[in-house]
Amino acid sequence: MTQGIRRDLLRFGQGQGTGHDLLRYLEYSTQGPRRHRTFSLITQGRYSVWFKTPVGEGAGVVEFGPNGKLGGGDTTFSYIGNWTQEGGRFKAAISARRIAPGPPGVFGMDEIDIVVAGQSDGGVSASCTGFAKQSPGLKLEVVLIRI
């Protein structure tokens, strides 16, 4: 069976001049859909993370560590939490806290507890959605790329 590569462009903040462009490559069959879909799991390691809500958008780095621990941050926030996997899906509970002056966070708060769930695309990238417990009506979109 011949394999090909499809290139998808994910754009955050499109048309606002502040967007982050991210190319991701997804493997697909040129002979049609596969009969059996396999899932690549998220693995321990460091990931670039892009996130947005209706309030704002941002980027940072997160480390998926052993025993379900995670940590990371960006220029104004630090992140700490836990992650789990079941089948092809993963879940994470994260606490984010402001550590330096800067622009408002994507939820407009300086301390938040976030819950996300998603799936990995080929072990290199993952996408998920979630919310902050303090503001459950605001949807959070997240894309992670292994670095």
Foldseek 3Di string as FASTA:
>chain_A
DDKDKDKDWDWDPPPNVPIDIDIDIAIQHPVDHDPDDAFDAADFAKKKKWKAWPQGIDIWMKTQDPPQWMWTDDPFKIKTWGKDDDGFKIKIKIWIATDDDDDADRVRDRIWIKIWMWGARPNFKIKIKTATPVCRVIIMIMMIGGD
